[in-house]
């Protein structure tokens, strides 16, 4: 691993036919703009966690991540964003995947005045697979958005998008999900889902699902929901001796944890679940 100067970001290269034994942890202290590069060479696999932290007040930060996977490479990456309530963060991640490669990326946005994540994925090789999951909490006047564009250019590729928001206060969430299937990308499988819960009637969620399909042998779908906690499920739990507040917390935890499936770094997954529980207690 070659770490460049903080002002320039970081660069990571996983050599061919290498399976990293331990995750790579990167702590990104927001201080302006940075550009990062991750390359996973043929036949290799890696787990990477990027923690976004902000110490300065009223900070505007931009980050560009470039990710390249060669043939039969795999990458599990978690972007964990816990920023102070005066930070504005924009991230743009581009992912290019060769044949038989696999990526699982998780956006976990837990706090920050304004967080805007964009993801561009190009499935360039046959039998490539990409999974993008996101979980966002907003409260007060926070604004959090995720914008995903997955382009299928090769045949027999698979993609799956699942993004969830839990919104309280007068906060706002945004999700734009785009799937493009080129004419050559026959036998594509692509799914997209955005599920969102409003804990306050003044919170707002904006959703824009988009499908552009130019091939004729595909399985593609998208779905979006915005609502409140299921009152019937709350009542059912109450009949089992659980009070209303605890019942709502249980349902929200179950709602959130679906997006964490696929995170195979247990200490990170446990940390997120613990923070989610604490967040729900104070919501």
Protein backbone atom coordinates (compact mmCIF):
# COMPACT_ATOMS: atom_id res chain seq x y z
CA UNK A 1 0.00 0.00 0.00
CA UNK A 2 1.34 3.36 -1.01
CA UNK A 3 -0.05 6.28 0.98
CA UNK A 4 0.33 9.64 -0.69
CA UNK A 5 0.35 13.01 1.02
CA UNK A 6 -2.83 13.92 2.87
CA UNK A 7 -3.54 16.79 0.51
CA UNK A 8 -3.55 14.39 -2.43
CA UNK A 9 -5.44 11.46 -0.89
CA UNK A 10 -4.39 7.82 -0.93
CA UNK A 11 -3.52 5.11 -3.42
CA UNK A 12 -3.92 1.38 -2.80
CA UNK A 13 -2.92 -1.44 -5.11
CA UNK A 14 -3.64 -5.10 -4.29
CA UNK A 15 -1.19 -7.26 -6.30
CA UNK A 16 -2.45 -10.06 -8.52
CA UNK A 17 -3.56 -13.29 -6.83
CA UNK A 18 -3.48 -11.76 -3.34
CA UNK A 19 -6.11 -12.33 -0.68
CA UNK A 20 -5.65 -9.79 2.11
CA UNK A 21 -5.92 -11.37 5.55
CA UNK A 22 -7.03 -8.21 7.36
CA UNK A 23 -9.18 -5.26 6.25
CA UNK A 24 -7.49 -2.04 5.19
CA UNK A 25 -8.66 0.84 7.40
CA UNK A 26 -8.44 4.42 6.18
CA UNK A 27 -9.36 7.39 8.35
CA UNK A 28 -10.25 10.36 6.19
CA UNK A 29 -10.19 13.59 8.17
CA UNK A 30 -11.98 16.07 5.98
CA UNK A 31 -9.83 19.11 5.16
CA UNK A 32 -10.80 20.16 1.65
CA UNK A 33 -10.41 18.17 -1.58
CA UNK A 34 -8.77 14.79 -2.13
CA UNK A 35 -8.40 12.22 -4.87
CA UNK A 36 -8.01 8.52 -4.11
CA UNK A 37 -7.33 5.43 -6.20
CA UNK A 38 -7.92 1.73 -5.47
CA UNK A 39 -6.73 -1.00 -7.85
CA UNK A 40 -7.46 -4.69 -7.25
CA UNK A 41 -5.47 -6.76 -9.71
CA UNK A 42 -6.53 -10.04 -11.32
CA UNK A 43 -7.53 -12.85 -8.97
CA UNK A 44 -7.22 -10.74 -5.81
CA UNK A 45 -9.64 -9.78 -3.04
CA UNK A 46 -9.70 -7.08 -0.37
CA UNK A 47 -11.83 -5.46 2.32
CA UNK A 48 -11.51 -1.70 2.77
CA UNK A 49 -13.14 0.63 5.31
CA UNK A 50 -13.04 4.40 4.81
CA UNK A 51 -14.07 6.41 7.85
CA UNK A 52 -15.03 10.01 7.21
CA UNK A 53 -14.49 12.31 10.18
CA UNK A 54 -14.64 16.09 10.47
CA UNK A 55 -13.05 18.13 13.24
CA UNK A 56 -13.25 21.62 11.78
CA UNK A 57 -16.48 23.59 11.89
CA UNK A 58 -18.26 24.77 8.73
CA UNK A 59 -16.13 22.62 6.46
CA UNK A 60 -16.79 21.98 2.77
CA UNK A 61 -15.05 18.84 1.52
CA UNK A 62 -14.93 17.03 -1.83
CA UNK A 63 -13.58 13.55 -2.45
CA UNK A 64 -13.04 11.64 -5.66
CA UNK A 65 -12.55 7.87 -5.48
CA UNK A 66 -11.43 5.86 -8.49
CA UNK A 67 -11.80 2.07 -8.18
CA UNK A 68 -10.54 -0.42 -10.76
CA UNK A 69 -11.03 -4.19 -10.64
CA UNK A 70 -9.28 -6.54 -13.03
CA UNK A 71 -10.48 -10.03 -14.06
CA UNK A 72 -11.79 -12.23 -11.23
CA UNK A 73 -11.04 -9.61 -8.56
CA UNK A 74 -13.34 -8.86 -5.61
CA UNK A 75 -13.70 -5.90 -3.28
CA UNK A 76 -15.88 -5.20 -0.25
CA UNK A 77 -15.77 -1.52 0.67
CA UNK A 78 -17.55 0.40 3.45
CA UNK A 79 -17.80 4.19 3.46
CA UNK A 80 -18.68 5.15 7.04
CA UNK A 81 -19.65 8.82 7.36
CA UNK A 82 -19.96 10.32 10.84
CA UNK A 83 -19.44 14.06 10.50
CA UNK A 84 -20.15 17.04 12.70
CA UNK A 85 -23.36 18.93 12.09
CA UNK A 86 -21.74 21.81 10.19
CA UNK A 87 -19.86 19.76 7.58
CA UNK A 88 -20.74 19.57 3.88
CA UNK A 89 -19.28 16.52 2.12
CA UNK A 90 -19.49 15.52 -1.53
CA UNK A 91 -18.09 12.21 -2.70
CA UNK A 92 -17.90 10.89 -6.23
CA UNK A 93 -16.85 7.28 -6.75
CA UNK A 94 -16.26 5.65 -10.12
CA UNK A 95 -15.97 1.86 -10.34
CA UNK A 96 -14.75 -0.02 -13.42
CA UNK A 97 -15.11 -3.81 -13.37
CA UNK A 98 -13.59 -6.42 -15.67
CA UNK A 99 -14.86 -9.96 -16.31
CA UNK A 100 -15.91 -12.11 -13.32
CA UNK A 101 -15.18 -9.31 -10.84
CA UNK A 102 -17.37 -8.56 -7.84
CA UNK A 103 -17.86 -5.41 -5.76
CA UNK A 104 -19.97 -4.80 -2.67
CA UNK A 105 -20.08 -1.15 -1.60
CA UNK A 106 -21.89 0.18 1.46
CA UNK A 107 -22.64 3.85 2.09
CA UNK A 108 -23.42 4.39 5.78
CA UNK A 109 -24.28 8.07 6.41
CA UNK A 110 -24.95 8.60 10.09
CA UNK A 111 -24.47 12.36 10.64
CA UNK A 112 -23.49 15.53 8.82
CA UNK A 113 -25.20 18.76 7.81
CA UNK A 114 -25.09 17.96 4.09
CA UNK A 115 -23.78 14.72 2.58
CA UNK A 116 -24.03 14.02 -1.13
CA UNK A 117 -22.69 10.71 -2.47
CA UNK A 118 -22.56 9.78 -6.14
CA UNK A 119 -21.57 6.41 -7.56
CA UNK A 120 -20.82 5.59 -11.20
CA UNK A 121 -20.35 1.89 -12.02
CA UNK A 122 -19.28 0.46 -15.38
CA UNK A 123 -19.67 -3.31 -15.75
CA UNK A 124 -17.28 -3.78 -18.66
CA UNK A 125 -16.54 -7.50 -18.48
CA UNK A 126 -18.76 -10.55 -18.82
CA UNK A 127 -20.20 -11.98 -15.58
CA UNK A 128 -19.27 -8.97 -13.44
CA UNK A 129 -21.39 -8.27 -10.35
CA UNK A 130 -22.01 -5.10 -8.34
CA UNK A 131 -23.97 -4.65 -5.11
CA UNK A 132 -24.57 -1.13 -3.77
CA UNK A 133 -26.26 -0.69 -0.39
CA UNK A 134 -26.90 2.51 1.52
CA UNK A 135 -28.25 3.47 4.94
CA UNK A 136 -28.82 7.09 5.94
CA UNK A 137 -30.14 8.77 9.09
CA UNK A 138 -31.22 12.39 9.02
CA UNK A 139 -32.53 14.59 11.79
CA UNK A 140 -32.92 18.31 12.42
CA UNK A 141 -32.30 20.09 9.11
CA UNK A 142 -29.76 17.59 7.75
CA UNK A 143 -29.67 16.78 4.04
CA UNK A 144 -28.34 13.46 2.74
CA UNK A 145 -28.39 12.14 -0.79
CA UNK A 146 -27.24 9.09 -2.74
CA UNK A 147 -27.06 9.06 -6.52
CA UNK A 148 -26.22 5.80 -8.31
CA UNK A 149 -25.67 5.13 -12.01
CA UNK A 150 -24.86 1.56 -13.08
CA UNK A 151 -24.07 0.90 -16.74
CA UNK A 152 -24.19 -2.68 -18.05
CA UNK A 153 -22.00 -2.86 -21.14
CA UNK A 154 -21.15 -6.59 -21.11
CA UNK A 155 -23.43 -9.66 -21.13
CA UNK A 156 -24.45 -11.78 -18.12
CA UNK A 157 -23.70 -9.12 -15.50
CA UNK A 158 -25.65 -8.52 -12.30
CA UNK A 159 -26.32 -5.43 -10.20
CA UNK A 160 -28.36 -4.80 -7.10
CA UNK A 161 -29.13 -1.46 -5.44
CA UNK A 162 -30.76 -1.16 -2.00
CA UNK A 163 -30.86 2.24 -0.31
CA UNK A 164 -32.79 3.15 2.83
CA UNK A 165 -33.36 6.40 4.70
CA UNK A 166 -34.75 7.01 8.18
CA UNK A 167 -35.75 10.67 8.46
CA UNK A 168 -36.84 12.78 11.41
CA UNK A 169 -37.16 16.49 12.17
CA UNK A 170 -37.38 18.62 9.02
CA UNK A 171 -34.57 16.74 7.31
CA UNK A 172 -34.43 15.80 3.64
CA UNK A 173 -33.24 12.68 1.84
CA UNK A 174 -32.55 12.26 -1.87
CA UNK A 175 -32.06 9.13 -3.95
CA UNK A 176 -31.49 8.87 -7.68
CA UNK A 177 -30.96 5.38 -9.04
CA UNK A 178 -30.22 4.77 -12.70
CA UNK A 179 -29.73 1.45 -14.49
CA UNK A 180 -28.56 1.50 -18.10
CA UNK A 181 -28.43 -1.75 -20.08
CA UNK A 182 -26.66 -1.42 -23.41
CA UNK A 183 -27.69 -3.44 -26.46
CA UNK A 184 -24.70 -5.80 -26.09
CA UNK A 185 -25.50 -6.56 -22.42
CA UNK A 186 -27.84 -9.50 -22.97
CA UNK A 187 -28.85 -11.70 -20.02
CA UNK A 188 -28.47 -8.81 -17.61
CA UNK A 189 -30.00 -9.03 -14.14
CA UNK A 190 -30.48 -5.68 -12.40
CA UNK A 191 -32.57 -4.69 -9.39
CA UNK A 192 -33.07 -1.41 -7.60
CA UNK A 193 -35.02 -0.58 -4.43
CA UNK A 194 -35.38 2.52 -2.28
CA UNK A 195 -37.28 2.14 1.02
CA UNK A 196 -37.74 5.06 3.39
CA UNK A 197 -39.40 5.80 6.73
CA UNK A 198 -40.48 9.26 7.86
CA UNK A 199 -40.54 9.71 11.63
CA UNK A 200 -41.89 13.24 11.28
CA UNK A 201 -44.48 14.57 8.86
CA UNK A 202 -42.20 17.54 8.12
CA UNK A 203 -39.36 15.34 6.87
CA UNK A 204 -39.11 14.87 3.11
CA UNK A 205 -37.80 12.15 0.79
CA UNK A 206 -37.17 12.64 -2.95
CA UNK A 207 -36.78 9.55 -5.17
CA UNK A 208 -35.97 9.26 -8.86
CA UNK A 209 -35.71 5.65 -10.14
CA UNK A 210 -34.64 5.33 -13.78
CA UNK A 211 -34.32 2.40 -16.16
CA UNK A 212 -32.86 2.58 -19.68
CA UNK A 213 -32.92 -0.83 -21.34
CA UNK A 214 -31.69 -1.39 -24.89
CA UNK A 215 -31.27 -5.19 -24.70
CA UNK A 216 -34.16 -7.64 -25.06
CA UNK A 217 -33.06 -10.54 -22.84
CA UNK A 218 -32.90 -9.02 -19.35
CA UNK A 219 -34.42 -9.18 -15.86
CA UNK A 220 -34.70 -5.66 -14.45
CA UNK A 221 -36.93 -4.04 -11.86
CA UNK A 222 -37.13 -1.08 -9.53
CA UNK A 223 -39.29 -0.13 -6.57
CA UNK A 224 -39.63 2.74 -4.13
CA UNK A 225 -41.62 3.27 -0.93
CA UNK A 226 -42.00 6.16 1.50
CA UNK A 227 -44.06 5.74 4.64
CA UNK A 228 -44.23 5.60 8.39
CA UNK A 229 -43.67 2.77 10.83
CA UNK A 230 -46.15 -0.06 10.24
CA UNK A 231 -48.82 0.51 12.90
CA UNK A 232 -50.15 -3.06 12.55
CA UNK A 233 -46.67 -4.49 13.21
CA UNK A 234 -46.34 -2.21 16.25
CA UNK A 235 -49.72 -3.37 17.54
CA UNK A 236 -48.75 -7.02 17.03
CA UNK A 237 -45.60 -6.56 19.13
CA UNK A 238 -47.61 -4.75 21.79
CA UNK A 239 -49.91 -7.77 22.06
CA UNK A 240 -46.78 -9.77 22.85
CA UNK A 241 -45.98 -7.58 25.85
CA UNK A 242 -43.61 -5.07 24.21
CA UNK A 243 -44.39 -1.40 24.84
CA UNK A 244 -44.97 0.89 21.88
CA UNK A 245 -41.64 2.73 21.99
CA UNK A 246 -39.60 -0.47 22.17
CA UNK A 247 -41.72 -2.03 19.42
CA UNK A 248 -40.99 0.90 17.10
CA UNK A 249 -37.26 0.66 17.83
CA UNK A 250 -37.25 -3.07 17.05
CA UNK A 251 -38.97 -2.49 13.72
CA UNK A 252 -36.62 0.35 12.77
CA UNK A 253 -33.56 -1.75 13.65
CA UNK A 254 -34.83 -4.60 11.49
CA UNK A 255 -35.53 -2.12 8.69
CA UNK A 256 -32.00 -0.71 8.88
CA UNK A 257 -30.10 -3.97 9.26
CA UNK A 258 -31.16 -5.32 5.87
CA UNK A 259 -28.79 -2.85 4.23
CA UNK A 260 -25.88 -4.15 6.32
CA UNK A 261 -26.05 -7.63 4.82
CA UNK A 262 -22.86 -8.27 2.94
CA UNK A 263 -20.59 -6.38 5.34
CA UNK A 264 -18.23 -9.18 6.31
CA UNK A 265 -16.09 -7.11 8.70
CA UNK A 266 -17.73 -8.04 11.97
CA UNK A 267 -16.31 -5.27 14.17
CA UNK A 268 -17.46 -2.61 11.70
CA UNK A 269 -20.89 -4.20 11.35
CA UNK A 270 -21.26 -4.36 15.14
CA UNK A 271 -20.16 -0.74 15.48
CA UNK A 272 -22.77 0.39 12.96
CA UNK A 273 -25.55 -1.62 14.62
CA UNK A 274 -24.63 -0.18 18.03
CA UNK A 275 -24.66 3.35 16.65
CA UNK A 276 -27.99 2.71 14.93
CA UNK A 277 -29.49 1.57 18.23
CA UNK A 278 -28.21 4.69 19.99
CA UNK A 279 -29.50 6.89 17.19
CA UNK A 280 -32.96 5.38 17.39
CA UNK A 281 -33.12 5.86 21.14
CA UNK A 282 -32.56 9.60 20.76
CA UNK A 283 -34.74 10.02 17.62
